[in-house]
Amino acid sequence: MSKLKPILLTTAFALGATAAAAQEERFITIGTGGQTGVYYVVGQSICSLVNRKTSETGIKCTAPSTGGSIANINAIQAGDMTMGVAQSDWQYHAYEGDVPEFEGDKHFEDLRAVFSVHPEPFTVVARADAGISSFEDLKGKRVNVGNPGSGQRGTMEVVLDALGWTMDDFSLASELKPAEQSAALGDNKVDAIIYTVGHPNGSIQEATSTVDARLVPVTGEAIDKLVDDNPYYAKATIPGGMYSGNDEDVETFGVKATFVTSADVDEDTVYQVVKTVFDNFDRFKGLHPAFANLDPQSMVTEGNSAPLHPGAAKYYKEQGWIE
């Protein structure tokens, strides 16, 4: 009998440790975007890395498909999401409360930046038979402007306002999600689609491989002024040869994808997520071509207009990336 006692004690200790670990488990949810977009890959990639370390950190992560930037920010503010991906312009607007979407009760002063990710050019793809060679040619055409709550829809509205246009200037302004719009272009239900997204992108690859389609430049005085007046915008180039039938570089403008959270999320949770991503940075970069040229220090300093979350700042200070 005496030989059994240590075994029983060891078993009891192990069960107790397991119970304690279970009590310490933290579940986080990351808002992403449509399943064909890079936001979805960002969220899934972060969760993949985080879940590899669950036994050490106690953090379990899920990253469902969502409506995109604005929907993610609203969900974080409501406490329905822990973190999320959002365009840099919508991070700015949510924190500043300077647009109708984030005025009054919707003003999100507790929004916090974690890091920025890849550049996202504002991308217009048009059927070759639609007679569209510039953004101005979209007037009177059938255009998918993006689903409500998405960053692409929000940026489209900003561009229209800069040009003095409204949705009524299109013969059709459809509100399809990213996963639906390429098929609509191929089926001749729309003449053009727009997408604020990192490249290369699966949805645009689908669109340009199923129908003769062209990327359309977004340039001109109104766009120049938009970039000059807003620090979260920058000129962008979509390299030629990335998509079928599009051998030349295409000039446009764009934002950055950013990873955000709330000041209400505890410091250690954010610290552990950030540490997991950057301690495994080469693995993260290999998860999508849009991540190939990411630089850790630039991700800390570029595209973030809300204050850094203390958990993120703690890690960056340890690395010597910020003071």
C-alpha atoms as a PDB file:
ATOM      1  CA  MET A   1       0.000   0.000   0.000  1.00  0.00           C
ATOM      2  CA  SER A   2       2.824   2.366   0.799  1.00  0.00           C
ATOM      3  CA  LYS A   3       3.994   2.259  -2.811  1.00  0.00           C
ATOM      4  CA  LEU A   4       0.628   3.548  -3.987  1.00  0.00           C
ATOM      5  CA  LYS A   5       0.669   6.698  -1.912  1.00  0.00           C
ATOM      6  CA  PRO A   6       3.219   8.654  -3.993  1.00  0.00           C
ATOM      7  CA  ILE A   7       1.353   7.706  -7.168  1.00  0.00           C
ATOM      8  CA  LEU A   8      -1.950   8.862  -5.730  1.00  0.00           C
ATOM      9  CA  LEU A   9      -0.381  12.074  -4.488  1.00  0.00           C
ATOM     10  CA  THR A  10       1.209  12.698  -7.886  1.00  0.00           C
ATOM     11  CA  THR A  11      -2.102  12.051  -9.622  1.00  0.00           C
ATOM     12  CA  ALA A  12      -3.911  14.393  -7.263  1.00  0.00           C
ATOM     13  CA  PHE A  13      -1.290  17.065  -7.836  1.00  0.00           C
ATOM     14  CA  ALA A  14      -1.582  16.672 -11.629  1.00  0.00           C
ATOM     15  CA  LEU A  15      -5.363  16.911 -11.489  1.00  0.00           C
ATOM     16  CA  GLY A  16      -5.089  20.013  -9.361  1.00  0.00           C
ATOM     17  CA  ALA A  17      -2.625  21.581 -11.766  1.00  0.00           C
ATOM     18  CA  THR A  18      -4.907  20.742 -14.702  1.00  0.00           C
ATOM     19  CA  ALA A  19      -7.860  22.342 -12.962  1.00  0.00           C
ATOM     20  CA  ALA A  20      -5.822  25.438 -12.167  1.00  0.00           C
ATOM     21  CA  ALA A  21      -4.692  25.689 -15.787  1.00  0.00           C
ATOM     22  CA  ALA A  22      -8.286  25.355 -16.960  1.00  0.00           C
ATOM     23  CA  GLN A  23      -9.305  28.216 -14.671  1.00  0.00           C
ATOM     24  CA  GLU A  24      -6.593  30.394 -16.194  1.00  0.00           C
ATOM     25  CA  GLU A  25      -7.621  29.801 -19.800  1.00  0.00           C
ATOM     26  CA  ARG A  26      -8.455  32.984 -21.663  1.00  0.00           C
ATOM     27  CA  PHE A  27     -10.487  32.983 -24.841  1.00  0.00           C
ATOM     28  CA  ILE A  28      -9.951  35.749 -27.359  1.00  0.00           C
ATOM     29  CA  THR A  29     -11.771  36.479 -30.605  1.00  0.00           C
ATOM     30  CA  ILE A  30     -10.235  38.372 -33.502  1.00  0.00           C
ATOM     31  CA  GLY A  31     -12.461  40.140 -36.033  1.00  0.00           C
ATOM     32  CA  THR A  32     -11.273  39.691 -39.621  1.00  0.00           C
ATOM     33  CA  GLY A  33     -13.113  40.185 -42.935  1.00  0.00           C
ATOM     34  CA  GLY A  34     -14.371  38.182 -45.890  1.00  0.00           C
ATOM     35  CA  GLN A  35     -12.860  34.726 -46.334  1.00  0.00           C
ATOM     36  CA  THR A  36     -11.221  35.656 -49.659  1.00  0.00           C
ATOM     37  CA  GLY A  37      -9.504  38.718 -48.181  1.00  0.00           C
ATOM     38  CA  VAL A  38      -6.163  39.194 -46.446  1.00  0.00           C
ATOM     39  CA  TYR A  39      -7.840  40.311 -43.174  1.00  0.00           C
ATOM     40  CA  TYR A  40      -9.141  36.792 -42.752  1.00  0.00           C
ATOM     41  CA  VAL A  41      -5.613  35.457 -43.269  1.00  0.00           C
ATOM     42  CA  VAL A  42      -4.222  37.964 -40.740  1.00  0.00           C
ATOM     43  CA  GLY A  43      -6.660  36.838 -38.048  1.00  0.00           C
ATOM     44  CA  GLN A  44      -6.282  33.153 -38.820  1.00  0.00           C
ATOM     45  CA  SER A  45      -2.481  33.469 -38.877  1.00  0.00           C
ATOM     46  CA  ILE A  46      -2.328  35.235 -35.522  1.00  0.00           C
ATOM     47  CA  CYS A  47      -4.673  32.678 -33.985  1.00  0.00           C
ATOM     48  CA  SER A  48      -2.628  29.830 -35.411  1.00  0.00           C
ATOM     49  CA  LEU A  49       0.497  31.145 -33.700  1.00  0.00           C
ATOM     50  CA  VAL A  50      -1.329  31.939 -30.448  1.00  0.00           C
ATOM     51  CA  ASN A  51      -2.935  28.503 -30.270  1.00  0.00           C
ATOM     52  CA  ARG A  52       0.468  26.840 -30.668  1.00  0.00           C
ATOM     53  CA  LYS A  53       1.387  28.435 -27.343  1.00  0.00           C
ATOM     54  CA  THR A  54      -1.854  27.776 -25.442  1.00  0.00           C
ATOM     55  CA  SER A  55      -0.172  25.335 -23.051  1.00  0.00           C
ATOM     56  CA  GLU A  56       2.228  28.116 -22.023  1.00  0.00           C
ATOM     57  CA  THR A  57      -0.051  31.165 -22.062  1.00  0.00           C
ATOM     58  CA  GLY A  58      -3.512  29.725 -21.432  1.00  0.00           C
ATOM     59  CA  ILE A  59      -4.849  31.792 -24.359  1.00  0.00           C
ATOM     60  CA  LYS A  60      -7.143  30.204 -26.933  1.00  0.00           C
ATOM     61  CA  CYS A  61      -7.957  32.153 -30.077  1.00  0.00           C
ATOM     62  CA  THR A  62     -10.645  32.156 -32.769  1.00  0.00           C
ATOM     63  CA  ALA A  63     -10.864  34.418 -35.820  1.00  0.00           C
ATOM     64  CA  PRO A  64     -14.253  34.278 -37.556  1.00  0.00           C
ATOM     65  CA  SER A  65     -15.076  35.945 -40.855  1.00  0.00           C
ATOM     66  CA  THR A  66     -16.739  39.346 -40.301  1.00  0.00           C
ATOM     67  CA  GLY A  67     -17.987  42.394 -42.194  1.00  0.00           C
ATOM     68  CA  GLY A  68     -14.599  44.114 -42.057  1.00  0.00           C
ATOM     69  CA  SER A  69     -13.012  47.211 -40.519  1.00  0.00           C
ATOM     70  CA  ILE A  70     -15.957  49.181 -39.158  1.00  0.00           C
ATOM     71  CA  ALA A  71     -17.810  46.062 -38.046  1.00  0.00           C
ATOM     72  CA  ASN A  72     -14.691  44.880 -36.194  1.00  0.00           C
ATOM     73  CA  ILE A  73     -14.177  48.190 -34.415  1.00  0.00           C
ATOM     74  CA  ASN A  74     -17.843  48.297 -33.380  1.00  0.00           C
ATOM     75  CA  ALA A  75     -17.636  44.712 -32.100  1.00  0.00           C
ATOM     76  CA  ILE A  76     -14.519  45.504 -30.052  1.00  0.00           C
ATOM     77  CA  GLN A  77     -16.231  48.552 -28.572  1.00  0.00           C
ATOM     78  CA  ALA A  78     -19.289  46.445 -27.679  1.00  0.00           C
ATOM     79  CA  GLY A  79     -17.085  43.796 -26.054  1.00  0.00           C
ATOM     80  CA  ASP A  80     -18.073  41.148 -28.603  1.00  0.00           C
ATOM     81  CA  MET A  81     -14.536  40.894 -30.015  1.00  0.00           C
ATOM     82  CA  THR A  82     -11.204  41.085 -28.202  1.00  0.00           C
ATOM     83  CA  MET A  83      -9.170  42.362 -31.123  1.00  0.00           C
ATOM     84  CA  GLY A  84      -9.600  42.938 -34.831  1.00  0.00           C
ATOM     85  CA  VAL A  85      -8.153  44.073 -38.126  1.00  0.00           C
ATOM     86  CA  ALA A  86      -9.082  47.504 -39.477  1.00  0.00           C
ATOM     87  CA  GLN A  87      -7.923  49.920 -42.126  1.00  0.00           C
ATOM     88  CA  SER A  88      -5.661  52.675 -40.778  1.00  0.00           C
ATOM     89  CA  ASP A  89      -8.138  55.380 -41.798  1.00  0.00           C
ATOM     90  CA  TRP A  90     -10.927  53.764 -39.800  1.00  0.00           C
ATOM     91  CA  GLN A  91      -8.663  53.341 -36.790  1.00  0.00           C
ATOM     92  CA  TYR A  92      -8.101  57.106 -37.002  1.00  0.00           C
ATOM     93  CA  HIS A  93     -11.774  57.998 -37.428  1.00  0.00           C
ATOM     94  CA  ALA A  94     -12.944  55.713 -34.607  1.00  0.00           C
ATOM     95  CA  TYR A  95     -10.421  57.155 -32.156  1.00  0.00           C
ATOM     96  CA  GLU A  96     -10.942  60.776 -33.222  1.00  0.00           C
ATOM     97  CA  GLY A  97     -14.735  60.497 -33.568  1.00  0.00           C
ATOM     98  CA  ASP A  98     -14.637  62.826 -36.559  1.00  0.00           C
ATOM     99  CA  VAL A  99     -17.029  61.036 -38.937  1.00  0.00           C
ATOM    100  CA  PRO A 100     -20.729  60.130 -38.575  1.00  0.00           C
ATOM    101  CA  GLU A 101     -19.947  56.426 -38.102  1.00  0.00           C
ATOM    102  CA  PHE A 102     -18.100  57.237 -34.861  1.00  0.00           C
ATOM    103  CA  GLU A 103     -19.760  60.353 -33.498  1.00  0.00           C
ATOM    104  CA  GLY A 104     -21.509  60.675 -30.131  1.00  0.00           C
ATOM    105  CA  ASP A 105     -22.005  57.353 -28.368  1.00  0.00           C
ATOM    106  CA  LYS A 106     -20.070  55.599 -31.129  1.00  0.00           C
ATOM    107  CA  HIS A 107     -16.889  57.610 -30.476  1.00  0.00           C
ATOM    108  CA  PHE A 108     -14.316  54.992 -29.411  1.00  0.00           C
ATOM    109  CA  GLU A 109     -11.758  56.851 -27.278  1.00  0.00           C
ATOM    110  CA  ASP A 110     -10.683  53.549 -25.696  1.00  0.00           C
ATOM    111  CA  LEU A 111      -9.564  52.112 -29.047  1.00  0.00           C
ATOM    112  CA  ARG A 112      -5.922  51.057 -28.850  1.00  0.00           C
ATOM    113  CA  ALA A 113      -3.401  50.216 -31.564  1.00  0.00           C
ATOM    114  CA  VAL A 114      -1.434  46.957 -31.409  1.00  0.00           C
ATOM    115  CA  PHE A 115       0.530  46.989 -34.679  1.00  0.00           C
ATOM    116  CA  SER A 116       0.085  47.708 -38.383  1.00  0.00           C
ATOM    117  CA  VAL A 117       0.349  45.010 -41.009  1.00  0.00           C
ATOM    118  CA  HIS A 118       0.482  45.168 -44.833  1.00  0.00           C
ATOM    119  CA  PRO A 119      -0.269  48.079 -47.198  1.00  0.00           C
ATOM    120  CA  GLU A 120      -3.723  48.060 -48.778  1.00  0.00           C
ATOM    121  CA  PRO A 121      -4.164  49.843 -52.102  1.00  0.00           C
ATOM    122  CA  PHE A 122      -7.656  51.023 -53.043  1.00  0.00           C
ATOM    123  CA  THR A 123      -8.228  48.680 -55.972  1.00  0.00           C
ATOM    124  CA  VAL A 124     -10.700  48.981 -58.830  1.00  0.00           C
ATOM    125  CA  VAL A 125     -11.192  46.057 -61.225  1.00  0.00           C
ATOM    126  CA  ALA A 126     -13.370  46.514 -64.316  1.00  0.00           C
ATOM    127  CA  ARG A 127     -14.519  44.242 -67.106  1.00  0.00           C
ATOM    128  CA  ALA A 128     -12.473  44.925 -70.252  1.00  0.00           C
ATOM    129  CA  ASP A 129     -15.701  45.288 -72.269  1.00  0.00           C
ATOM    130  CA  ALA A 130     -17.112  47.974 -69.951  1.00  0.00           C
ATOM    131  CA  GLY A 131     -15.130  50.875 -71.418  1.00  0.00           C
ATOM    132  CA  ILE A 132     -13.545  51.857 -68.087  1.00  0.00           C
ATOM    133  CA  SER A 133      -9.951  53.114 -68.131  1.00  0.00           C
ATOM    134  CA  SER A 134     -10.098  55.618 -65.227  1.00  0.00           C
ATOM    135  CA  PHE A 135     -12.104  56.050 -62.052  1.00  0.00           C
ATOM    136  CA  GLU A 136     -14.114  58.835 -63.689  1.00  0.00           C
ATOM    137  CA  ASP A 137     -15.364  56.293 -66.251  1.00  0.00           C
ATOM    138  CA  LEU A 138     -17.277  54.523 -63.452  1.00  0.00           C
ATOM    139  CA  LYS A 139     -19.969  57.191 -63.621  1.00  0.00           C
ATOM    140  CA  GLY A 140     -23.154  55.650 -64.987  1.00  0.00           C
ATOM    141  CA  LYS A 141     -21.796  52.106 -64.587  1.00  0.00           C
ATOM    142  CA  ARG A 142     -22.808  49.131 -62.430  1.00  0.00           C
ATOM    143  CA  VAL A 143     -20.368  49.109 -59.512  1.00  0.00           C
ATOM    144  CA  ASN A 144     -20.085  46.947 -56.423  1.00  0.00           C
ATOM    145  CA  VAL A 145     -19.366  49.512 -53.694  1.00  0.00           C
ATOM    146  CA  GLY A 146     -18.918  46.993 -50.860  1.00  0.00           C
ATOM    147  CA  ASN A 147     -21.018  45.732 -47.987  1.00  0.00           C
ATOM    148  CA  PRO A 148     -22.067  48.139 -45.201  1.00  0.00           C
ATOM    149  CA  GLY A 149     -19.608  47.989 -42.299  1.00  0.00           C
ATOM    150  CA  SER A 150     -16.619  47.153 -44.487  1.00  0.00           C
ATOM    151  CA  GLY A 151     -13.567  49.359 -44.799  1.00  0.00           C
ATOM    152  CA  GLN A 152     -13.778  49.217 -48.590  1.00  0.00           C
ATOM    153  CA  ARG A 153     -17.300  50.657 -48.481  1.00  0.00           C
ATOM    154  CA  GLY A 154     -16.159  53.391 -46.111  1.00  0.00           C
ATOM    155  CA  THR A 155     -13.201  54.335 -48.294  1.00  0.00           C
ATOM    156  CA  MET A 156     -15.372  54.282 -51.426  1.00  0.00           C
ATOM    157  CA  GLU A 157     -17.678  56.822 -49.774  1.00  0.00           C
ATOM    158  CA  VAL A 158     -14.662  59.002 -48.943  1.00  0.00           C
ATOM    159  CA  VAL A 159     -13.497  58.900 -52.576  1.00  0.00           C
ATOM    160  CA  LEU A 160     -16.975  59.743 -53.854  1.00  0.00           C
ATOM    161  CA  ASP A 161     -17.194  62.687 -51.459  1.00  0.00           C
ATOM    162  CA  ALA A 162     -13.776  63.943 -52.616  1.00  0.00           C
ATOM    163  CA  LEU A 163     -15.005  63.848 -56.215  1.00  0.00           C
ATOM    164  CA  GLY A 164     -18.378  65.411 -55.368  1.00  0.00           C
ATOM    165  CA  TRP A 165     -20.183  62.222 -56.394  1.00  0.00           C
ATOM    166  CA  THR A 166     -22.911  60.184 -54.719  1.00  0.00           C
ATOM    167  CA  MET A 167     -24.051  56.587 -55.117  1.00  0.00           C
ATOM    168  CA  ASP A 168     -26.694  57.920 -57.504  1.00  0.00           C
ATOM    169  CA  ASP A 169     -23.929  58.576 -60.026  1.00  0.00           C
ATOM    170  CA  PHE A 170     -23.814  54.819 -60.676  1.00  0.00           C
ATOM    171  CA  SER A 171     -26.531  53.049 -62.614  1.00  0.00           C
ATOM    172  CA  LEU A 172     -26.254  50.336 -59.956  1.00  0.00           C
ATOM    173  CA  ALA A 173     -24.463  50.463 -56.590  1.00  0.00           C
ATOM    174  CA  SER A 174     -24.499  46.884 -55.345  1.00  0.00           C
ATOM    175  CA  GLU A 175     -23.480  45.930 -51.800  1.00  0.00           C
ATOM    176  CA  LEU A 176     -21.980  42.485 -52.281  1.00  0.00           C
ATOM    177  CA  LYS A 177     -19.394  41.102 -49.875  1.00  0.00           C
ATOM    178  CA  PRO A 178     -15.842  40.464 -51.123  1.00  0.00           C
ATOM    179  CA  ALA A 179     -16.503  36.733 -51.498  1.00  0.00           C
ATOM    180  CA  GLU A 180     -19.398  37.456 -53.863  1.00  0.00           C
ATOM    181  CA  GLN A 181     -18.156  40.295 -56.029  1.00  0.00           C
ATOM    182  CA  SER A 182     -15.724  38.430 -58.302  1.00  0.00           C
ATOM    183  CA  ALA A 183     -18.434  36.034 -59.459  1.00  0.00           C
ATOM    184  CA  ALA A 184     -20.740  38.999 -60.081  1.00  0.00           C
ATOM    185  CA  LEU A 185     -18.085  40.600 -62.292  1.00  0.00           C
ATOM    186  CA  GLY A 186     -17.590  37.353 -64.206  1.00  0.00           C
ATOM    187  CA  ASP A 187     -21.352  36.869 -64.612  1.00  0.00           C
ATOM    188  CA  ASN A 188     -21.705  40.421 -66.009  1.00  0.00           C
ATOM    189  CA  LYS A 189     -23.920  41.532 -63.134  1.00  0.00           C
ATOM    190  CA  VAL A 190     -21.588  44.462 -62.445  1.00  0.00           C
ATOM    191  CA  ASP A 191     -19.121  46.387 -64.602  1.00  0.00           C
ATOM    192  CA  ALA A 192     -16.581  46.994 -61.840  1.00  0.00           C
ATOM    193  CA  ILE A 193     -15.707  46.032 -58.296  1.00  0.00           C
ATOM    194  CA  ILE A 194     -13.679  47.885 -55.672  1.00  0.00           C
ATOM    195  CA  TYR A 195     -11.577  46.435 -52.899  1.00  0.00           C
ATOM    196  CA  THR A 196      -9.208  47.984 -50.351  1.00  0.00           C
ATOM    197  CA  VAL A 197      -6.923  45.023 -49.881  1.00  0.00           C
ATOM    198  CA  GLY A 198      -3.390  43.685 -49.727  1.00  0.00           C
ATOM    199  CA  HIS A 199      -1.911  42.079 -52.819  1.00  0.00           C
ATOM    200  CA  PRO A 200      -1.822  39.482 -54.213  1.00  0.00           C
ATOM    201  CA  ASN A 201      -5.458  38.783 -53.392  1.00  0.00           C
ATOM    202  CA  GLY A 202      -7.430  35.626 -54.129  1.00  0.00           C
ATOM    203  CA  SER A 203     -10.654  37.434 -54.969  1.00  0.00           C
ATOM    204  CA  ILE A 204      -8.957  39.628 -57.575  1.00  0.00           C
ATOM    205  CA  GLN A 205      -7.052  36.638 -58.955  1.00  0.00           C
ATOM    206  CA  GLU A 206     -10.428  34.944 -59.384  1.00  0.00           C
ATOM    207  CA  ALA A 207     -11.914  37.999 -61.078  1.00  0.00           C
ATOM    208  CA  THR A 208      -9.064  38.447 -63.565  1.00  0.00           C
ATOM    209  CA  SER A 209      -8.806  34.746 -64.390  1.00  0.00           C
ATOM    210  CA  THR A 210     -12.518  34.146 -65.024  1.00  0.00           C
ATOM    211  CA  VAL A 211     -13.156  37.209 -67.202  1.00  0.00           C
ATOM    212  CA  ASP A 212     -11.043  39.648 -69.197  1.00  0.00           C
ATOM    213  CA  ALA A 213     -10.665  42.381 -66.575  1.00  0.00           C
ATOM    214  CA  ARG A 214      -8.362  45.337 -65.915  1.00  0.00           C
ATOM    215  CA  LEU A 215      -7.099  47.095 -62.812  1.00  0.00           C
ATOM    216  CA  VAL A 216      -8.083  50.758 -63.058  1.00  0.00           C
ATOM    217  CA  PRO A 217      -5.841  53.633 -61.864  1.00  0.00           C
ATOM    218  CA  VAL A 218      -7.234  55.924 -59.170  1.00  0.00           C
ATOM    219  CA  THR A 219      -5.418  59.223 -59.637  1.00  0.00           C
ATOM    220  CA  GLY A 220      -6.026  62.934 -60.166  1.00  0.00           C
ATOM    221  CA  GLU A 221      -6.240  66.204 -58.257  1.00  0.00           C
ATOM    222  CA  ALA A 222      -8.993  65.052 -55.886  1.00  0.00           C
ATOM    223  CA  ILE A 223      -6.972  61.962 -54.921  1.00  0.00           C
ATOM    224  CA  ASP A 224      -3.803  64.046 -54.525  1.00  0.00           C
ATOM    225  CA  LYS A 225      -5.648  66.357 -52.135  1.00  0.00           C
ATOM    226  CA  LEU A 226      -7.086  63.389 -50.230  1.00  0.00           C
ATOM    227  CA  VAL A 227      -3.582  62.021 -49.666  1.00  0.00           C
ATOM    228  CA  ASP A 228      -2.117  65.438 -48.780  1.00  0.00           C
ATOM    229  CA  ASP A 229      -4.863  66.212 -46.273  1.00  0.00           C
ATOM    230  CA  ASN A 230      -4.960  62.868 -44.455  1.00  0.00           C
ATOM    231  CA  PRO A 231      -1.892  61.293 -42.808  1.00  0.00           C
ATOM    232  CA  TYR A 232      -3.371  57.785 -42.921  1.00  0.00           C
ATOM    233  CA  TYR A 233      -3.455  57.763 -46.758  1.00  0.00           C
ATOM    234  CA  ALA A 234      -0.483  57.322 -49.076  1.00  0.00           C
ATOM    235  CA  LYS A 235       0.110  56.873 -52.799  1.00  0.00           C
ATOM    236  CA  ALA A 236       0.337  53.199 -53.758  1.00  0.00           C
ATOM    237  CA  THR A 237       1.334  51.101 -56.731  1.00  0.00           C
ATOM    238  CA  ILE A 238      -0.051  47.673 -57.624  1.00  0.00           C
ATOM    239  CA  PRO A 239       2.810  45.889 -59.401  1.00  0.00           C
ATOM    240  CA  GLY A 240       2.257  44.712 -62.954  1.00  0.00           C
ATOM    241  CA  GLY A 241       2.309  41.009 -63.688  1.00  0.00           C
ATOM    242  CA  MET A 242       0.542  40.068 -60.479  1.00  0.00           C
ATOM    243  CA  TYR A 243      -2.789  39.340 -62.186  1.00  0.00           C
ATOM    244  CA  SER A 244      -3.735  37.828 -65.544  1.00  0.00           C
ATOM    245  CA  GLY A 245      -3.999  40.451 -68.303  1.00  0.00           C
ATOM    246  CA  ASN A 246      -2.491  43.197 -66.134  1.00  0.00           C
ATOM    247  CA  ASP A 247       1.162  43.518 -67.063  1.00  0.00           C
ATOM    248  CA  GLU A 248       1.645  47.211 -66.216  1.00  0.00           C
ATOM    249  CA  ASP A 249       1.937  48.877 -62.798  1.00  0.00           C
ATOM    250  CA  VAL A 250      -1.279  50.601 -61.703  1.00  0.00           C
ATOM    251  CA  GLU A 251      -1.200  53.816 -59.653  1.00  0.00           C
ATOM    252  CA  THR A 252      -3.683  54.374 -56.852  1.00  0.00           C
ATOM    253  CA  PHE A 253      -3.658  55.316 -53.173  1.00  0.00           C
ATOM    254  CA  GLY A 254      -4.236  53.341 -50.045  1.00  0.00           C
ATOM    255  CA  VAL A 255      -4.094  52.669 -46.339  1.00  0.00           C
ATOM    256  CA  LYS A 256      -2.521  50.090 -44.067  1.00  0.00           C
ATOM    257  CA  ALA A 257      -4.166  47.165 -42.398  1.00  0.00           C
ATOM    258  CA  THR A 258      -3.876  47.591 -38.633  1.00  0.00           C
ATOM    259  CA  PHE A 259      -4.443  45.319 -35.662  1.00  0.00           C
ATOM    260  CA  VAL A 260      -6.442  46.970 -32.870  1.00  0.00           C
ATOM    261  CA  THR A 261      -7.993  46.276 -29.494  1.00  0.00           C
ATOM    262  CA  SER A 262      -9.598  48.087 -26.551  1.00  0.00           C
ATOM    263  CA  ALA A 263      -8.064  49.649 -23.464  1.00  0.00           C
ATOM    264  CA  ASP A 264     -10.402  47.310 -21.541  1.00  0.00           C
ATOM    265  CA  VAL A 265      -8.429  44.228 -22.638  1.00  0.00           C
ATOM    266  CA  ASP A 266      -5.874  43.287 -19.966  1.00  0.00           C
ATOM    267  CA  GLU A 267      -2.202  44.040 -20.503  1.00  0.00           C
ATOM    268  CA  ASP A 268      -0.929  40.469 -20.284  1.00  0.00           C
ATOM    269  CA  THR A 269      -3.314  39.139 -22.949  1.00  0.00           C
ATOM    270  CA  VAL A 270      -2.186  41.739 -25.477  1.00  0.00           C
ATOM    271  CA  TYR A 271       1.454  41.287 -24.473  1.00  0.00           C
ATOM    272  CA  GLN A 272       1.282  37.526 -25.009  1.00  0.00           C
ATOM    273  CA  VAL A 273      -0.382  37.879 -28.432  1.00  0.00           C
ATOM    274  CA  VAL A 274       2.202  40.446 -29.582  1.00  0.00           C
ATOM    275  CA  LYS A 275       5.086  38.386 -28.199  1.00  0.00           C
ATOM    276  CA  THR A 276       3.816  35.265 -29.950  1.00  0.00           C
ATOM    277  CA  VAL A 277       3.606  37.041 -33.324  1.00  0.00           C
ATOM    278  CA  PHE A 278       6.997  38.749 -33.202  1.00  0.00           C
ATOM    279  CA  ASP A 279       8.863  35.876 -31.533  1.00  0.00           C
ATOM    280  CA  ASN A 280       7.706  33.785 -34.504  1.00  0.00           C
ATOM    281  CA  PHE A 281       7.944  36.527 -37.111  1.00  0.00           C
ATOM    282  CA  ASP A 282       9.512  34.504 -39.923  1.00  0.00           C
ATOM    283  CA  ARG A 283       6.717  31.961 -39.625  1.00  0.00           C
ATOM    284  CA  PHE A 284       4.126  34.781 -39.648  1.00  0.00           C
ATOM    285  CA  LYS A 285       5.661  36.394 -42.766  1.00  0.00           C
ATOM    286  CA  GLY A 286       5.454  33.080 -44.579  1.00  0.00           C
ATOM    287  CA  LEU A 287       1.703  32.736 -44.095  1.00  0.00           C
ATOM    288  CA  HIS A 288       0.728  35.111 -46.950  1.00  0.00           C
ATOM    289  CA  PRO A 289       2.625  36.829 -49.812  1.00  0.00           C
ATOM    290  CA  ALA A 290       1.297  40.227 -48.642  1.00  0.00           C
ATOM    291  CA  PHE A 291       3.385  39.805 -45.467  1.00  0.00           C
ATOM    292  CA  ALA A 292       6.672  39.167 -47.283  1.00  0.00           C
ATOM    293  CA  ASN A 293       8.117  42.671 -46.876  1.00  0.00           C
ATOM    294  CA  LEU A 294       6.877  43.418 -43.369  1.00  0.00           C
ATOM    295  CA  ASP A 295       9.363  45.068 -41.024  1.00  0.00           C
ATOM    296  CA  PRO A 296       8.708  44.809 -37.254  1.00  0.00           C
ATOM    297  CA  GLN A 297       9.755  48.351 -36.359  1.00  0.00           C
ATOM    298  CA  SER A 298       7.678  49.856 -39.179  1.00  0.00           C
ATOM    299  CA  MET A 299       4.673  47.867 -37.945  1.00  0.00           C
ATOM    300  CA  VAL A 300       4.998  49.654 -34.603  1.00  0.00           C
ATOM    301  CA  THR A 301       5.377  53.190 -35.953  1.00  0.00           C
ATOM    302  CA  GLU A 302       3.433  53.364 -39.250  1.00  0.00           C
ATOM    303  CA  GLY A 303      -0.338  53.511 -39.688  1.00  0.00           C
ATOM    304  CA  ASN A 304      -1.231  53.664 -35.996  1.00  0.00           C
ATOM    305  CA  SER A 305      -3.123  56.772 -34.913  1.00  0.00           C
ATOM    306  CA  ALA A 306      -4.708  55.471 -31.693  1.00  0.00           C
ATOM    307  CA  PRO A 307      -2.390  55.115 -28.666  1.00  0.00           C
ATOM    308  CA  LEU A 308      -0.513  51.841 -28.349  1.00  0.00           C
ATOM    309  CA  HIS A 309      -2.050  49.373 -25.919  1.00  0.00           C
ATOM    310  CA  PRO A 310       0.211  49.095 -22.810  1.00  0.00           C
ATOM    311  CA  GLY A 311       0.621  45.352 -23.394  1.00  0.00           C
ATOM    312  CA  ALA A 312       1.952  45.973 -26.899  1.00  0.00           C
ATOM    313  CA  ALA A 313       4.129  48.879 -25.755  1.00  0.00           C
ATOM    314  CA  LYS A 314       5.677  46.662 -23.053  1.00  0.00           C
ATOM    315  CA  TYR A 315       6.942  44.177 -25.641  1.00  0.00           C
ATOM    316  CA  TYR A 316       8.171  46.878 -28.034  1.00  0.00           C
ATOM    317  CA  LYS A 317      10.133  48.546 -25.235  1.00  0.00           C
ATOM    318  CA  GLU A 318      11.741  45.203 -24.372  1.00  0.00           C
ATOM    319  CA  GLN A 319      12.868  44.934 -28.005  1.00  0.00           C
ATOM    320  CA  GLY A 320      14.184  48.514 -28.044  1.00  0.00           C
ATOM    321  CA  TRP A 321      11.762  49.488 -30.835  1.00  0.00           C
ATOM    322  CA  ILE A 322      10.240  52.339 -28.820  1.00  0.00           C
ATOM    323  CA  GLU A 323      11.398  54.250 -25.740  1.00  0.00           C
END
